[in-house]
Protein backbone atom coordinates (compact mmCIF):
# COMPACT_ATOMS: atom_id res chain seq x y z
CA MET A 1 12.84 35.11 29.35
CA LEU A 2 11.75 31.63 29.18
CA PRO A 3 8.55 30.52 28.14
CA VAL A 4 6.07 28.75 30.70
CA LEU A 5 5.44 25.30 30.26
CA PRO A 6 2.43 23.11 31.42
CA ASP A 7 1.94 20.95 33.98
CA LEU A 8 2.78 17.63 33.40
CA ARG A 9 0.44 15.29 31.61
CA LEU A 10 1.49 11.72 32.81
CA ASP A 11 -1.74 10.54 32.52
CA LEU A 12 -2.60 10.60 28.30
CA PRO A 13 -3.86 7.73 26.63
CA ALA A 14 -2.22 5.83 24.42
CA PRO A 15 -3.18 6.65 20.78
CA ASP A 16 -4.13 3.86 19.05
CA VAL A 17 -1.94 3.66 15.68
CA GLY A 18 -2.45 0.45 14.96
CA ARG A 19 -3.82 1.04 10.96
CA PRO A 20 -1.14 3.87 10.66
CA VAL A 21 1.55 1.10 10.90
CA GLU A 22 0.33 -1.63 9.69
CA VAL A 23 -0.43 0.84 6.72
CA ALA A 24 2.61 2.59 6.19
CA THR A 25 4.40 -0.93 7.06
CA LEU A 26 2.27 -2.49 3.94
CA LEU A 27 4.11 0.88 1.50
CA ALA A 28 7.23 0.83 3.12
CA ASP A 29 8.33 -1.93 0.69
CA ARG A 30 10.35 -0.86 -2.29
CA THR A 31 8.63 -3.66 -4.91
CA ARG A 32 5.30 -3.08 -3.17
CA ALA A 33 5.45 1.11 -3.56
CA GLY A 34 6.48 0.22 -7.19
CA ILE A 35 4.27 -2.21 -7.89
CA LEU A 36 1.59 0.14 -6.44
CA ALA A 37 3.24 2.70 -8.69
CA LEU A 38 3.13 1.56 -11.66
CA LEU A 39 -0.86 -0.31 -11.44
CA ARG A 40 -1.89 3.65 -11.28
CA GLY A 41 -1.62 3.88 -15.04
CA GLY A 42 -3.81 0.98 -15.95
CA PRO A 43 -3.89 -2.67 -14.69
CA HIS A 44 -0.35 -4.89 -16.12
CA CYS A 45 0.83 -8.78 -15.57
CA VAL A 46 2.74 -10.17 -13.13
CA CYS A 47 5.53 -9.83 -15.89
CA GLU A 48 5.01 -7.13 -16.78
CA LEU A 49 5.69 -5.42 -13.57
CA ALA A 50 8.30 -7.79 -12.95
CA ALA A 51 10.37 -6.51 -16.41
CA ALA A 52 9.62 -3.05 -14.97
CA LEU A 53 10.61 -3.24 -11.45
CA GLY A 54 13.61 -6.25 -12.46
CA GLU A 55 12.36 -8.26 -10.11
CA ARG A 56 11.76 -12.28 -10.69
CA GLN A 57 8.54 -13.14 -11.12
CA ASN A 58 7.50 -15.39 -8.02
CA ASN A 59 8.89 -12.23 -5.86
CA VAL A 60 6.69 -10.23 -7.53
CA SER A 61 3.17 -12.60 -6.89
CA ASN A 62 4.10 -12.70 -3.89
CA HIS A 63 4.26 -8.99 -2.85
CA LEU A 64 0.53 -8.43 -5.76
CA ALA A 65 -0.34 -11.60 -3.05
CA ARG A 66 0.16 -9.23 -0.26
CA LEU A 67 -0.94 -6.20 -1.95
CA ARG A 68 -4.09 -8.02 -2.61
CA GLN A 69 -5.01 -9.17 1.21
CA ALA A 70 -4.87 -6.30 2.62
CA GLY A 71 -7.30 -4.56 -0.58
CA LEU A 72 -5.52 -2.49 -1.94
CA VAL A 73 -4.95 -4.49 -5.40
CA ARG A 74 -7.99 -7.00 -7.75
CA ALA A 75 -6.97 -9.73 -10.00
CA VAL A 76 -9.45 -9.61 -13.41
CA ARG A 77 -8.81 -12.21 -15.96
CA GLY A 78 -7.65 -10.59 -19.62
CA SER A 79 -10.73 -10.25 -22.30
CA VAL A 80 -8.20 -11.26 -24.50
CA ASP A 81 -6.92 -14.22 -22.97
CA SER A 82 -8.95 -15.29 -20.24
CA ARG A 83 -5.35 -17.34 -18.96
CA ARG A 84 -3.05 -14.09 -17.91
CA VAL A 85 -4.48 -12.72 -14.91
CA TYR A 86 -3.96 -8.75 -14.99
CA TYR A 87 -3.87 -6.93 -11.64
CA GLU A 88 -5.79 -3.19 -10.73
CA ARG A 89 -5.40 -0.69 -8.45
CA ASP A 90 -8.59 -0.27 -6.03
CA GLU A 91 -8.77 3.11 -5.98
CA GLU A 92 -10.99 3.04 -2.73
CA ALA A 93 -8.56 1.35 -0.40
CA CYS A 94 -6.06 3.48 -1.78
CA ARG A 95 -7.47 6.30 -1.19
CA ALA A 96 -8.58 5.10 2.47
CA ALA A 97 -4.91 4.30 3.23
CA LEU A 98 -4.32 7.48 2.43
CA ALA A 99 -6.90 8.69 4.31
CA THR A 100 -5.56 6.24 6.75
CA LEU A 101 -1.63 7.91 7.28
CA ALA A 102 -2.72 11.19 7.07
CA GLY A 103 -4.57 10.93 10.37
CA LEU A 104 -1.46 10.35 11.65
CA LEU A 105 0.00 13.50 10.23
CA ARG A 106 -1.66 15.58 10.20
């Protein structure tokens, strides 16, 4: 016996998926995902991140700029050497990004 299917619903409203797509696009890059994973363990400078990821420092800096613009990471000056900039995750912003993606996939 075939299941009874509902009538066609051609008036469904289009969902607003703009923000989840933005977050997914940002995180879909291997280098940016790697940076966020490394920063989970605490702050790191560009040279440390570049060495761990096998990337050039200027490439990592460009990716950090995108993550900073999105609010997922922030820059802090080192307490011992104030010339060096360290990057850390904004955990609240990361939780919000995760919630954005989860809202789409629930």
